[in-house]
């Protein structure tokens, strides 16, 4: 079964357009953004013009482990992002740096990090 396309202004779930992709964009966000630190994740936030979509970028360096571990960390961060997407403010770029190996941590642990950072992310975005 094919689902109906969402309305253009809908924020029901992130689209592929809501990703930070280019190295220059990552560097801009990391150099000019505000940091919000958690136990295993660092969130770097940068405001965008009103009406811009919320965008997410994820960085997991080799310090995190081999490719399998880095990809698992990215998947967990993306899945937690999808779970809190509706609660996040629009017009913000968020780069998440995986600071420590997630090891055997489950999705709930990563989701808890997002939920702890959420009030500071909202405060950063303003009213």
N, C-alpha and C. Protein backbone atom coordinates (compact mmCIF):
# COMPACT_ATOMS: atom_id res chain seq x y z
N UNK A 1 0.83 -1.17 0.00
CA UNK A 1 0.00 0.00 0.00
C UNK A 1 0.88 1.24 0.00
N UNK A 2 0.56 2.19 -0.84
CA UNK A 2 1.33 3.43 -0.96
C UNK A 2 0.61 4.51 -0.16
N UNK A 3 1.35 5.20 0.68
CA UNK A 3 0.73 6.25 1.48
C UNK A 3 0.58 7.52 0.66
N UNK A 4 -0.40 8.30 1.03
CA UNK A 4 -0.65 9.56 0.32
C UNK A 4 0.47 10.54 0.64
N UNK A 5 0.85 11.37 -0.33
CA UNK A 5 1.90 12.34 -0.07
C UNK A 5 1.43 13.36 0.97
N UNK A 6 2.35 13.81 1.78
CA UNK A 6 1.98 14.79 2.80
C UNK A 6 1.82 16.17 2.17
N UNK A 7 1.11 17.02 2.87
CA UNK A 7 0.90 18.37 2.39
C UNK A 7 2.22 19.13 2.44
N UNK A 8 2.39 20.13 1.56
CA UNK A 8 3.67 20.83 1.50
C UNK A 8 4.11 21.45 2.82
N UNK A 9 3.20 21.99 3.64
CA UNK A 9 3.59 22.62 4.89
C UNK A 9 3.60 21.68 6.06
N UNK A 10 3.35 20.41 5.83
CA UNK A 10 3.23 19.44 6.91
C UNK A 10 4.59 19.14 7.53
N UNK A 11 4.58 18.93 8.86
CA UNK A 11 5.81 18.57 9.57
C UNK A 11 5.64 17.23 10.24
N UNK A 12 4.93 16.32 9.60
CA UNK A 12 4.65 15.04 10.23
C UNK A 12 5.89 14.16 10.34
N UNK A 13 6.79 14.27 9.39
CA UNK A 13 8.03 13.50 9.45
C UNK A 13 9.09 14.19 8.60
N UNK A 14 10.35 13.96 8.92
CA UNK A 14 11.42 14.60 8.16
C UNK A 14 11.53 14.01 6.76
N UNK A 15 11.86 14.87 5.81
CA UNK A 15 12.07 14.39 4.45
C UNK A 15 13.57 14.31 4.19
N UNK A 16 13.92 13.78 3.05
CA UNK A 16 15.35 13.69 2.72
C UNK A 16 15.94 15.07 2.50
N UNK A 17 15.08 16.06 2.21
CA UNK A 17 15.56 17.43 2.04
C UNK A 17 15.94 18.05 3.37
N UNK A 18 15.53 17.42 4.47
CA UNK A 18 15.81 17.99 5.78
C UNK A 18 17.10 17.42 6.38
N UNK A 19 18.10 17.24 5.51
CA UNK A 19 19.40 16.74 5.97
C UNK A 19 20.50 17.70 5.57
N UNK A 20 21.48 17.85 6.44
CA UNK A 20 22.68 18.60 6.11
C UNK A 20 23.56 17.64 5.34
N UNK A 21 23.99 18.03 4.16
CA UNK A 21 24.71 17.09 3.30
C UNK A 21 26.15 17.51 2.98
N UNK A 22 26.36 18.79 2.73
CA UNK A 22 27.65 19.24 2.22
C UNK A 22 28.62 19.59 3.35
N UNK A 23 29.89 19.34 3.10
CA UNK A 23 30.92 19.62 4.10
C UNK A 23 30.91 21.09 4.49
N UNK A 24 30.71 21.97 3.53
CA UNK A 24 30.69 23.41 3.82
C UNK A 24 29.56 23.75 4.79
N UNK A 25 28.42 23.08 4.65
CA UNK A 25 27.30 23.32 5.56
C UNK A 25 27.65 22.84 6.97
N UNK A 26 28.28 21.67 7.08
CA UNK A 26 28.70 21.17 8.39
C UNK A 26 29.67 22.16 9.04
N UNK A 27 30.65 22.64 8.27
CA UNK A 27 31.64 23.56 8.81
C UNK A 27 31.00 24.87 9.26
N UNK A 28 30.04 25.38 8.48
CA UNK A 28 29.35 26.61 8.84
C UNK A 28 28.59 26.44 10.16
N UNK A 29 27.89 25.33 10.28
CA UNK A 29 27.11 25.07 11.50
C UNK A 29 28.04 24.89 12.69
N UNK A 30 29.13 24.14 12.50
CA UNK A 30 30.04 23.88 13.61
C UNK A 30 30.80 25.12 14.04
N UNK A 31 31.10 26.02 13.10
CA UNK A 31 31.86 27.21 13.48
C UNK A 31 30.96 28.30 14.07
N UNK A 32 29.72 28.40 13.61
CA UNK A 32 28.85 29.48 14.08
C UNK A 32 27.73 29.05 14.99
N UNK A 33 27.64 27.76 15.28
CA UNK A 33 26.51 27.26 16.05
C UNK A 33 26.74 27.24 17.55
N UNK A 34 25.66 27.05 18.27
CA UNK A 34 25.70 26.93 19.73
C UNK A 34 25.68 25.46 20.10
N UNK A 35 26.51 25.08 21.08
CA UNK A 35 26.61 23.68 21.49
C UNK A 35 25.74 23.38 22.69
N UNK A 36 25.11 22.20 22.61
CA UNK A 36 24.35 21.66 23.73
C UNK A 36 24.91 20.25 23.94
N UNK A 37 25.53 20.02 25.09
CA UNK A 37 26.21 18.74 25.32
C UNK A 37 25.36 17.79 26.15
N UNK A 38 25.43 16.51 25.78
CA UNK A 38 24.81 15.45 26.55
C UNK A 38 25.87 14.45 26.95
N UNK A 39 25.45 13.29 27.41
CA UNK A 39 26.40 12.27 27.84
C UNK A 39 27.21 11.72 26.66
N UNK A 40 26.52 11.31 25.61
CA UNK A 40 27.17 10.70 24.46
C UNK A 40 27.05 11.54 23.19
N UNK A 41 26.17 12.53 23.21
CA UNK A 41 25.91 13.32 22.02
C UNK A 41 26.16 14.80 22.28
N UNK A 42 26.64 15.50 21.26
CA UNK A 42 26.75 16.95 21.29
C UNK A 42 25.86 17.47 20.17
N UNK A 43 24.97 18.39 20.50
CA UNK A 43 24.08 18.99 19.52
C UNK A 43 24.62 20.38 19.21
N UNK A 44 24.83 20.68 17.93
CA UNK A 44 25.26 22.01 17.53
C UNK A 44 24.11 22.63 16.75
N UNK A 45 23.67 23.81 17.18
CA UNK A 45 22.47 24.43 16.65
C UNK A 45 22.81 25.73 15.93
N UNK A 46 22.18 25.95 14.79
CA UNK A 46 22.35 27.20 14.05
C UNK A 46 21.00 27.62 13.50
N UNK A 47 20.61 28.87 13.79
CA UNK A 47 19.34 29.39 13.28
C UNK A 47 19.42 29.58 11.78
N UNK A 48 18.26 29.41 11.14
CA UNK A 48 18.14 29.64 9.70
C UNK A 48 17.02 30.64 9.47
N UNK A 49 16.89 31.18 8.26
CA UNK A 49 15.82 32.14 8.00
C UNK A 49 14.45 31.52 8.25
N UNK A 50 13.50 32.36 8.68
CA UNK A 50 12.14 31.89 8.95
C UNK A 50 11.58 31.20 7.70
N UNK A 51 10.87 30.13 7.92
CA UNK A 51 10.29 29.36 6.81
C UNK A 51 11.20 28.26 6.30
N UNK A 52 12.45 28.24 6.75
CA UNK A 52 13.37 27.18 6.35
C UNK A 52 13.02 25.90 7.10
N UNK A 53 13.27 24.76 6.48
CA UNK A 53 12.98 23.50 7.19
C UNK A 53 14.04 23.20 8.25
N UNK A 54 13.64 22.43 9.21
CA UNK A 54 14.57 21.89 10.21
C UNK A 54 15.47 20.89 9.49
N UNK A 55 16.79 20.98 9.72
CA UNK A 55 17.70 20.04 9.07
C UNK A 55 18.59 19.37 10.11
N UNK A 56 18.97 18.12 9.82
CA UNK A 56 19.80 17.33 10.72
C UNK A 56 21.03 16.83 9.98
N UNK A 57 22.17 16.89 10.66
CA UNK A 57 23.39 16.29 10.18
C UNK A 57 23.98 15.47 11.32
N UNK A 58 24.63 14.37 11.00
CA UNK A 58 25.19 13.50 12.04
C UNK A 58 26.66 13.24 11.72
N UNK A 59 27.50 13.38 12.73
CA UNK A 59 28.92 13.10 12.59
C UNK A 59 29.31 12.03 13.60
N UNK A 60 29.93 10.98 13.11
CA UNK A 60 30.46 9.92 13.97
C UNK A 60 31.86 9.60 13.47
N UNK A 61 32.87 10.06 14.19
CA UNK A 61 34.25 9.88 13.74
C UNK A 61 34.74 8.46 13.99
N UNK A 62 35.94 8.17 13.54
CA UNK A 62 36.50 6.83 13.72
C UNK A 62 36.79 6.51 15.18
N UNK A 63 36.83 7.54 16.03
CA UNK A 63 37.02 7.29 17.46
C UNK A 63 35.86 6.47 18.03
N UNK A 64 34.71 6.51 17.36
CA UNK A 64 33.52 5.80 17.81
C UNK A 64 33.67 4.30 17.60
N UNK A 65 34.44 3.93 16.59
CA UNK A 65 34.64 2.51 16.32
C UNK A 65 34.68 2.24 14.83
N UNK A 66 34.49 0.99 14.47
CA UNK A 66 34.54 0.63 13.06
C UNK A 66 33.26 1.09 12.34
N UNK A 67 33.19 0.84 11.05
CA UNK A 67 32.06 1.32 10.24
C UNK A 67 30.72 0.80 10.75
N UNK A 68 30.69 -0.43 11.20
CA UNK A 68 29.43 -1.00 11.71
C UNK A 68 28.95 -0.21 12.93
N UNK A 69 29.86 0.09 13.84
CA UNK A 69 29.49 0.83 15.05
C UNK A 69 29.08 2.27 14.73
N UNK A 70 29.80 2.91 13.79
CA UNK A 70 29.45 4.28 13.41
C UNK A 70 28.09 4.33 12.73
N UNK A 71 27.83 3.39 11.84
CA UNK A 71 26.53 3.36 11.16
C UNK A 71 25.40 3.08 12.13
N UNK A 72 25.62 2.21 13.10
CA UNK A 72 24.60 1.93 14.11
C UNK A 72 24.30 3.19 14.91
N UNK A 73 25.36 3.91 15.28
CA UNK A 73 25.18 5.16 16.03
C UNK A 73 24.36 6.15 15.21
N UNK A 74 24.67 6.29 13.93
CA UNK A 74 23.91 7.20 13.07
C UNK A 74 22.45 6.78 12.96
N UNK A 75 22.22 5.48 12.82
CA UNK A 75 20.83 4.99 12.73
C UNK A 75 20.05 5.31 14.00
N UNK A 76 20.67 5.08 15.15
CA UNK A 76 19.99 5.36 16.42
C UNK A 76 19.68 6.85 16.56
N UNK A 77 20.62 7.71 16.18
CA UNK A 77 20.40 9.16 16.27
C UNK A 77 19.27 9.57 15.33
N UNK A 78 19.27 9.03 14.10
CA UNK A 78 18.20 9.36 13.13
C UNK A 78 16.84 8.90 13.63
N UNK A 79 16.78 7.70 14.19
CA UNK A 79 15.51 7.17 14.67
C UNK A 79 14.98 8.00 15.84
N UNK A 80 15.86 8.40 16.75
CA UNK A 80 15.45 9.25 17.86
C UNK A 80 14.99 10.62 17.34
N UNK A 81 15.67 11.13 16.31
CA UNK A 81 15.28 12.40 15.69
C UNK A 81 13.86 12.30 15.13
N UNK A 82 13.56 11.19 14.47
CA UNK A 82 12.20 11.00 13.93
C UNK A 82 11.16 11.00 15.05
N UNK A 83 11.53 10.43 16.19
CA UNK A 83 10.58 10.33 17.31
C UNK A 83 10.28 11.69 17.93
N UNK A 84 11.25 12.61 17.93
CA UNK A 84 11.03 13.93 18.55
C UNK A 84 10.83 15.03 17.52
N UNK A 85 10.77 14.68 16.25
CA UNK A 85 10.71 15.66 15.16
C UNK A 85 9.60 16.69 15.36
N UNK A 86 8.42 16.25 15.74
CA UNK A 86 7.27 17.15 15.90
C UNK A 86 7.50 18.17 17.02
N UNK A 87 8.35 17.85 17.98
CA UNK A 87 8.58 18.73 19.12
C UNK A 87 9.70 19.74 18.87
N UNK A 88 10.45 19.55 17.78
CA UNK A 88 11.58 20.42 17.48
C UNK A 88 11.11 21.67 16.74
N UNK A 89 11.78 22.81 16.97
CA UNK A 89 11.39 24.03 16.28
C UNK A 89 11.85 24.02 14.83
N UNK A 90 11.12 24.70 13.94
CA UNK A 90 11.55 24.80 12.54
C UNK A 90 12.68 25.82 12.40
N UNK A 91 13.24 25.91 11.23
CA UNK A 91 14.26 26.91 10.88
C UNK A 91 15.51 26.81 11.76
N UNK A 92 15.92 25.58 12.05
CA UNK A 92 17.15 25.35 12.82
C UNK A 92 17.91 24.22 12.14
N UNK A 93 19.22 24.40 12.03
CA UNK A 93 20.09 23.29 11.60
C UNK A 93 20.65 22.66 12.87
N UNK A 94 20.62 21.33 12.92
CA UNK A 94 21.16 20.61 14.07
C UNK A 94 22.19 19.61 13.55
N UNK A 95 23.41 19.74 14.03
CA UNK A 95 24.43 18.73 13.76
C UNK A 95 24.65 17.99 15.06
N UNK A 96 24.53 16.67 15.01
CA UNK A 96 24.74 15.84 16.19
C UNK A 96 26.10 15.15 16.03
N UNK A 97 26.96 15.35 17.01
CA UNK A 97 28.25 14.67 17.03
C UNK A 97 28.15 13.55 18.05
N UNK A 98 28.42 12.34 17.60
CA UNK A 98 28.44 11.20 18.51
C UNK A 98 29.80 11.25 19.20
N UNK A 99 29.78 11.55 20.49
CA UNK A 99 31.01 11.81 21.23
C UNK A 99 31.65 10.53 21.76
N UNK A 100 30.85 9.60 22.23
CA UNK A 100 31.35 8.35 22.79
C UNK A 100 30.69 7.18 22.08
N UNK A 101 31.36 6.06 22.02
CA UNK A 101 30.72 4.89 21.42
C UNK A 101 29.41 4.56 22.14
N UNK A 102 28.38 4.27 21.37
CA UNK A 102 27.09 3.95 21.97
C UNK A 102 27.07 2.50 22.44
N UNK A 103 28.01 1.69 21.94
CA UNK A 103 28.13 0.31 22.40
C UNK A 103 26.81 -0.42 22.36
N UNK A 104 26.40 -0.91 23.50
CA UNK A 104 25.16 -1.68 23.59
C UNK A 104 23.95 -0.82 23.94
N UNK A 105 24.12 0.49 23.93
CA UNK A 105 22.97 1.35 24.26
C UNK A 105 21.84 1.12 23.28
N UNK A 106 20.66 1.20 23.79
CA UNK A 106 19.47 0.99 22.99
C UNK A 106 18.92 2.33 22.53
N UNK A 107 17.93 2.27 21.67
CA UNK A 107 17.28 3.47 21.15
C UNK A 107 16.78 4.35 22.28
N UNK A 108 16.24 3.76 23.33
CA UNK A 108 15.68 4.55 24.43
C UNK A 108 16.73 5.46 25.07
N UNK A 109 17.96 4.99 25.19
CA UNK A 109 19.03 5.81 25.78
C UNK A 109 19.33 7.02 24.90
N UNK A 110 19.35 6.82 23.59
CA UNK A 110 19.60 7.92 22.66
C UNK A 110 18.40 8.87 22.66
N UNK A 111 17.22 8.32 22.69
CA UNK A 111 16.00 9.14 22.75
C UNK A 111 15.99 9.99 24.03
N UNK A 112 16.42 9.42 25.14
CA UNK A 112 16.50 10.17 26.39
C UNK A 112 17.45 11.36 26.27
N UNK A 113 18.56 11.18 25.55
CA UNK A 113 19.50 12.30 25.33
C UNK A 113 18.82 13.42 24.55
N UNK A 114 18.07 13.05 23.49
CA UNK A 114 17.32 14.04 22.71
C UNK A 114 16.32 14.77 23.61
N UNK A 115 15.60 14.01 24.43
CA UNK A 115 14.58 14.62 25.29
C UNK A 115 15.19 15.55 26.34
N UNK A 116 16.38 15.21 26.85
CA UNK A 116 17.05 16.09 27.80
C UNK A 116 17.52 17.38 27.12
N UNK A 117 17.92 17.28 25.86
CA UNK A 117 18.42 18.46 25.13
C UNK A 117 17.28 19.31 24.56
N UNK A 118 16.11 18.74 24.44
CA UNK A 118 14.98 19.41 23.79
C UNK A 118 14.65 20.79 24.37
N UNK A 119 14.55 20.96 25.69
CA UNK A 119 14.25 22.31 26.21
C UNK A 119 15.29 23.35 25.81
N UNK A 120 16.56 22.97 25.81
CA UNK A 120 17.60 23.92 25.42
C UNK A 120 17.56 24.21 23.92
N UNK A 121 17.19 23.22 23.12
CA UNK A 121 17.05 23.44 21.68
C UNK A 121 15.91 24.40 21.42
N UNK A 122 14.79 24.21 22.11
CA UNK A 122 13.64 25.11 21.95
C UNK A 122 13.99 26.53 22.40
N UNK A 123 14.68 26.64 23.53
CA UNK A 123 15.07 27.95 24.04
C UNK A 123 15.98 28.66 23.04
N UNK A 124 16.88 27.91 22.41
CA UNK A 124 17.78 28.48 21.42
C UNK A 124 17.01 29.03 20.23
N UNK A 125 15.99 28.31 19.79
CA UNK A 125 15.22 28.70 18.61
C UNK A 125 14.35 29.92 18.87
N UNK A 126 14.06 30.19 20.15
CA UNK A 126 13.24 31.35 20.48
C UNK A 126 11.76 31.07 20.31
N UNK A 127 10.95 32.13 20.42
CA UNK A 127 9.49 31.96 20.37
C UNK A 127 8.96 31.56 19.02
